[in-house]
């Protein structure tokens, strides 16, 4: 269903940072798989194992943002076939979010995502003879998706994450607004050029002390997190269509790329070989 394929550990040589490669190719096989995929990704925000497969969480995510569901819905890939009569109702539109946020595959298919499909239905309902949210992909179509749709889970420091999210792909990140350091302790990346600086370690210790003092003063985590330095670690999901992945590799494998983000690209490249 939704499976971890493989993992590259220790990418920053500190025994913390990693990249995982996941298989979401069957996420649009049926409703159960959709819910599992969406809650698998969304649960990173809350770090709650009970969120996995939760239909109530799925329904809440569907309803939020005035008809535009959570970005976790982008992790459900949808393959539209130009030879399928129902699919053509979307494909023949001059403009649609499904086309805007999708990619053509060999002029026969459009690979898009469920969030775009939902948004098209909410905004262009009169253009369709049926509820396009009921479009699922069969096993053969899921095999095609597997070749083109790549999903990764990263654990990286905040400056690296900031560079990554400049790429226009699908992202979903651990939310320190909702998840306090009491629930998920902070970890920090100290680069080789900083590791021998005593003031760096002092900053890490003092910032955490202040953070927990603020929590004791009933300051919410969304405010207290402001005192945590940029070297803090985060976890983030990323889903890539073919051109998006090619562009990431083109820019982040370049020798001029910062060492840490280059390690993410090298790990991704190794994992999907």
Protein backbone atom coordinates (compact mmCIF):
# COMPACT_ATOMS: atom_id res chain seq x y z
CA UNK A 1 0.00 0.00 0.00
CA UNK A 2 2.13 2.90 1.32
CA UNK A 3 5.60 1.49 1.91
CA UNK A 4 9.11 2.52 2.88
CA UNK A 5 11.37 1.30 0.06
CA UNK A 6 14.84 2.14 1.37
CA UNK A 7 16.77 4.65 3.45
CA UNK A 8 20.08 6.50 3.39
CA UNK A 9 21.30 7.31 6.89
CA UNK A 10 24.00 9.60 8.25
CA UNK A 11 23.99 11.87 5.21
CA UNK A 12 25.52 14.76 7.20
CA UNK A 13 27.98 12.44 8.99
CA UNK A 14 26.39 13.18 12.37
CA UNK A 15 24.20 10.05 12.76
CA UNK A 16 21.04 12.16 12.63
CA UNK A 17 20.25 13.37 9.10
CA UNK A 18 18.66 10.91 6.67
CA UNK A 19 16.63 10.53 3.48
CA UNK A 20 13.97 7.84 3.01
CA UNK A 21 12.39 6.75 -0.28
CA UNK A 22 8.70 5.80 -0.07
CA UNK A 23 6.28 4.15 -2.49
CA UNK A 24 2.99 6.07 -2.83
CA UNK A 25 2.20 4.69 -6.30
CA UNK A 26 -0.93 2.84 -5.10
CA UNK A 27 -2.31 5.74 -3.09
CA UNK A 28 -5.12 6.29 -5.62
CA UNK A 29 -6.05 2.62 -5.97
CA UNK A 30 -9.01 3.00 -3.61
CA UNK A 31 -10.41 5.25 -0.88
CA UNK A 32 -8.70 3.33 1.91
CA UNK A 33 -5.30 3.87 0.30
CA UNK A 34 -6.03 7.55 -0.21
CA UNK A 35 -6.82 8.00 3.47
CA UNK A 36 -3.72 6.07 4.48
CA UNK A 37 -1.44 8.12 2.20
CA UNK A 38 -2.87 11.48 3.21
CA UNK A 39 -2.82 10.76 6.94
CA UNK A 40 0.67 9.23 6.66
CA UNK A 41 1.95 12.55 5.36
CA UNK A 42 -0.24 14.81 7.50
CA UNK A 43 0.68 12.96 10.69
CA UNK A 44 4.20 14.42 10.48
CA UNK A 45 2.68 17.76 11.51
CA UNK A 46 1.30 16.37 14.73
CA UNK A 47 3.58 13.38 15.41
CA UNK A 48 0.54 11.34 16.45
CA UNK A 49 0.61 7.64 15.47
CA UNK A 50 -3.18 7.51 15.92
CA UNK A 51 -3.51 9.86 12.96
CA UNK A 52 -2.45 7.11 10.52
CA UNK A 53 -5.52 5.91 8.65
CA UNK A 54 -7.81 8.21 10.65
CA UNK A 55 -10.94 8.96 8.63
CA UNK A 56 -11.83 11.86 10.93
CA UNK A 57 -8.45 13.51 10.26
CA UNK A 58 -8.92 12.89 6.53
CA UNK A 59 -12.36 14.55 6.59
CA UNK A 60 -11.02 17.54 8.52
CA UNK A 61 -8.15 17.96 6.07
CA UNK A 62 -10.62 17.74 3.18
CA UNK A 63 -12.77 20.50 4.66
CA UNK A 64 -10.06 23.00 5.61
CA UNK A 65 -8.99 26.11 3.72
CA UNK A 66 -12.34 26.97 2.12
CA UNK A 67 -12.55 24.03 -0.25
CA UNK A 68 -8.82 23.72 -0.96
CA UNK A 69 -7.71 20.69 1.05
CA UNK A 70 -4.40 20.18 2.82
CA UNK A 71 -1.19 19.95 0.82
CA UNK A 72 -0.99 16.34 2.04
CA UNK A 73 -3.57 15.56 -0.68
CA UNK A 74 -0.83 16.27 -3.24
CA UNK A 75 0.84 13.03 -2.14
CA UNK A 76 -1.94 11.03 -3.82
CA UNK A 77 -0.85 10.79 -7.48
CA UNK A 78 -3.60 10.55 -10.09
CA UNK A 79 -2.94 9.27 -13.61
CA UNK A 80 -5.35 10.55 -16.28
CA UNK A 81 -5.55 8.67 -19.59
CA UNK A 82 -6.40 10.52 -22.81
CA UNK A 83 -8.14 7.38 -24.08
CA UNK A 84 -10.47 7.26 -21.08
CA UNK A 85 -13.76 9.03 -21.81
CA UNK A 86 -14.29 10.21 -18.23
CA UNK A 87 -10.71 11.38 -17.87
CA UNK A 88 -11.09 13.43 -21.04
CA UNK A 89 -13.70 15.60 -19.32
CA UNK A 90 -10.79 17.01 -17.32
CA UNK A 91 -8.10 16.75 -19.98
CA UNK A 92 -10.13 18.60 -22.62
CA UNK A 93 -10.64 21.68 -20.45
CA UNK A 94 -8.71 24.73 -21.60
CA UNK A 95 -7.65 25.34 -18.01
CA UNK A 96 -7.70 23.15 -14.91
CA UNK A 97 -5.65 22.78 -11.75
CA UNK A 98 -5.13 19.15 -12.68
CA UNK A 99 -3.28 20.28 -15.80
CA UNK A 100 -1.57 23.24 -14.12
CA UNK A 101 -0.05 21.07 -11.41
CA UNK A 102 0.45 17.95 -13.51
CA UNK A 103 2.96 16.70 -16.08
CA UNK A 104 2.43 15.06 -19.44
CA UNK A 105 3.77 11.53 -19.85
CA UNK A 106 4.47 10.49 -23.45
CA UNK A 107 1.42 12.42 -24.74
CA UNK A 108 -0.78 9.59 -23.48
CA UNK A 109 -1.19 10.43 -19.82
CA UNK A 110 -1.31 13.35 -17.44
CA UNK A 111 0.19 12.70 -14.02
CA UNK A 112 -1.41 15.04 -11.49
CA UNK A 113 -2.57 14.85 -7.87
CA UNK A 114 -5.74 14.42 -5.86
CA UNK A 115 -5.64 17.91 -4.37
CA UNK A 116 -5.83 19.44 -7.84
CA UNK A 117 -8.68 17.06 -8.71
CA UNK A 118 -10.65 18.08 -5.61
CA UNK A 119 -10.10 21.76 -6.30
CA UNK A 120 -11.24 21.38 -9.92
CA UNK A 121 -14.41 19.66 -8.76
CA UNK A 122 -15.17 22.40 -6.23
CA UNK A 123 -14.63 25.19 -8.77
CA UNK A 124 -15.69 23.63 -12.08
CA UNK A 125 -18.41 21.23 -10.95
CA UNK A 126 -20.75 22.14 -13.82
CA UNK A 127 -18.08 21.11 -16.34
CA UNK A 128 -18.31 17.43 -15.40
CA UNK A 129 -20.98 14.77 -15.85
CA UNK A 130 -19.83 12.94 -12.71
CA UNK A 131 -17.94 13.48 -9.47
CA UNK A 132 -14.31 13.49 -10.64
CA UNK A 133 -13.18 12.86 -7.06
CA UNK A 134 -14.28 9.25 -7.65
CA UNK A 135 -11.53 8.67 -10.23
CA UNK A 136 -9.26 5.86 -9.07
CA UNK A 137 -6.36 4.15 -10.81
CA UNK A 138 -6.12 0.42 -11.47
CA UNK A 139 -3.08 -1.75 -10.73
CA UNK A 140 -1.62 -1.32 -14.22
CA UNK A 141 -1.89 2.46 -13.96
CA UNK A 142 -0.30 2.35 -10.51
CA UNK A 143 2.70 0.58 -12.05
CA UNK A 144 3.10 3.50 -14.46
CA UNK A 145 2.82 5.96 -11.58
CA UNK A 146 5.57 4.12 -9.70
CA UNK A 147 8.06 4.89 -12.47
CA UNK A 148 7.38 8.62 -12.41
CA UNK A 149 6.17 9.71 -8.96
CA UNK A 150 8.87 9.81 -6.27
CA UNK A 151 8.31 10.49 -2.57
CA UNK A 152 10.99 11.14 0.04
CA UNK A 153 11.06 11.80 3.77
CA UNK A 154 13.96 13.95 4.98
CA UNK A 155 15.49 14.81 8.31
CA UNK A 156 17.60 17.93 7.73
CA UNK A 157 18.53 21.17 9.45
CA UNK A 158 16.44 24.30 8.94
CA UNK A 159 18.79 26.14 6.51
CA UNK A 160 18.84 23.06 4.27
CA UNK A 161 15.07 22.76 4.50
CA UNK A 162 14.74 26.44 3.55
CA UNK A 163 16.72 25.81 0.36
CA UNK A 164 14.72 22.68 -0.45
CA UNK A 165 11.30 24.32 -0.24
CA UNK A 166 12.31 26.88 -2.85
CA UNK A 167 11.63 24.07 -5.31
CA UNK A 168 8.01 24.02 -6.43
CA UNK A 169 7.20 20.48 -5.41
CA UNK A 170 4.82 19.06 -2.80
CA UNK A 171 5.99 19.52 0.79
CA UNK A 172 4.64 18.68 4.24
CA UNK A 173 6.71 19.44 7.35
CA UNK A 174 6.85 18.68 11.05
CA UNK A 175 5.01 21.57 12.70
CA UNK A 176 6.74 23.05 15.72
CA UNK A 177 3.62 25.16 16.05
CA UNK A 178 1.75 22.08 17.28
CA UNK A 179 4.56 19.71 18.32
CA UNK A 180 6.51 20.99 21.29
CA UNK A 181 10.02 20.04 22.29
CA UNK A 182 8.48 18.05 25.14
CA UNK A 183 6.83 15.71 22.64
CA UNK A 184 9.64 15.60 20.07
CA UNK A 185 12.98 16.73 21.57
CA UNK A 186 15.09 19.14 19.57
CA UNK A 187 18.16 17.91 17.71
CA UNK A 188 20.81 20.14 16.18
CA UNK A 189 23.18 19.97 13.25
CA UNK A 190 26.59 21.39 14.09
CA UNK A 191 28.64 21.61 10.91
CA UNK A 192 32.36 20.74 10.96
CA UNK A 193 33.34 24.41 10.85
CA UNK A 194 31.26 25.14 13.97
CA UNK A 195 31.74 22.05 16.11
CA UNK A 196 34.85 23.34 17.93
CA UNK A 197 33.29 26.67 18.82
CA UNK A 198 32.25 26.63 22.48
CA UNK A 199 29.80 29.48 21.99
CA UNK A 200 27.84 27.37 19.50
CA UNK A 201 27.23 24.66 22.07
CA UNK A 202 26.39 27.32 24.63
CA UNK A 203 23.82 28.80 22.25
CA UNK A 204 22.18 25.39 21.82
CA UNK A 205 21.94 24.85 25.57
CA UNK A 206 20.77 28.36 26.42
CA UNK A 207 18.14 28.44 23.68
CA UNK A 208 16.60 25.18 24.87
CA UNK A 209 16.62 26.36 28.48
CA UNK A 210 14.78 29.51 27.44
CA UNK A 211 12.34 27.55 25.28
CA UNK A 212 11.26 25.32 28.16
CA UNK A 213 11.10 28.30 30.53
CA UNK A 214 8.69 29.95 28.11
CA UNK A 215 6.52 26.84 28.00
CA UNK A 216 6.38 26.84 31.80
CA UNK A 217 5.19 30.45 31.59
CA UNK A 218 2.28 29.19 29.42
CA UNK A 219 3.75 30.62 26.23
CA UNK A 220 2.47 28.51 23.34
CA UNK A 221 4.96 26.40 21.33
CA UNK A 222 4.21 28.48 18.22
CA UNK A 223 5.75 31.49 20.00
CA UNK A 224 8.41 29.73 22.06
CA UNK A 225 9.90 28.11 18.94
CA UNK A 226 11.22 31.51 17.85
CA UNK A 227 14.17 31.18 20.25
CA UNK A 228 15.41 27.90 18.72
CA UNK A 229 18.44 28.48 16.44
CA UNK A 230 18.48 27.65 12.74
CA UNK A 231 20.72 24.64 13.29
CA UNK A 232 17.69 22.78 14.66
CA UNK A 233 16.53 19.69 12.78
CA UNK A 234 13.18 19.27 11.07
CA UNK A 235 11.44 16.46 9.20
CA UNK A 236 9.76 17.06 5.87
CA UNK A 237 8.03 15.03 3.16
CA UNK A 238 8.63 15.81 -0.51
CA UNK A 239 6.82 14.45 -3.59
CA UNK A 240 8.33 14.94 -7.05
CA UNK A 241 7.04 14.70 -10.60
CA UNK A 242 9.66 13.89 -13.27
CA UNK A 243 10.61 17.44 -14.32
CA UNK A 244 10.65 18.57 -10.71
CA UNK A 245 13.04 15.79 -9.77
CA UNK A 246 15.28 16.50 -12.76
CA UNK A 247 15.45 20.17 -11.80
CA UNK A 248 16.31 19.31 -8.19
CA UNK A 249 19.15 17.08 -9.32
CA UNK A 250 20.37 19.65 -11.85
CA UNK A 251 20.67 22.38 -9.22
CA UNK A 252 21.52 20.44 -6.08
CA UNK A 253 24.05 17.98 -7.50
CA UNK A 254 26.06 20.87 -8.89
CA UNK A 255 29.43 21.35 -7.23
CA UNK A 256 28.46 24.92 -6.32
CA UNK A 257 25.51 23.72 -4.20
CA UNK A 258 25.95 23.90 -0.44
CA UNK A 259 27.39 20.63 0.86
CA UNK A 260 24.38 19.65 2.99
CA UNK A 261 21.73 20.03 0.30
CA UNK A 262 24.02 18.28 -2.17
CA UNK A 263 24.04 15.31 0.21
CA UNK A 264 20.24 15.15 0.03
CA UNK A 265 20.39 15.00 -3.77
CA UNK A 266 23.14 12.37 -3.76
CA UNK A 267 21.13 10.26 -1.33
CA UNK A 268 17.95 10.59 -3.41
CA UNK A 269 19.83 9.64 -6.57
CA UNK A 270 21.27 6.57 -4.88
CA UNK A 271 17.92 5.49 -3.44
CA UNK A 272 16.05 5.49 -6.77
CA UNK A 273 18.71 3.79 -8.88
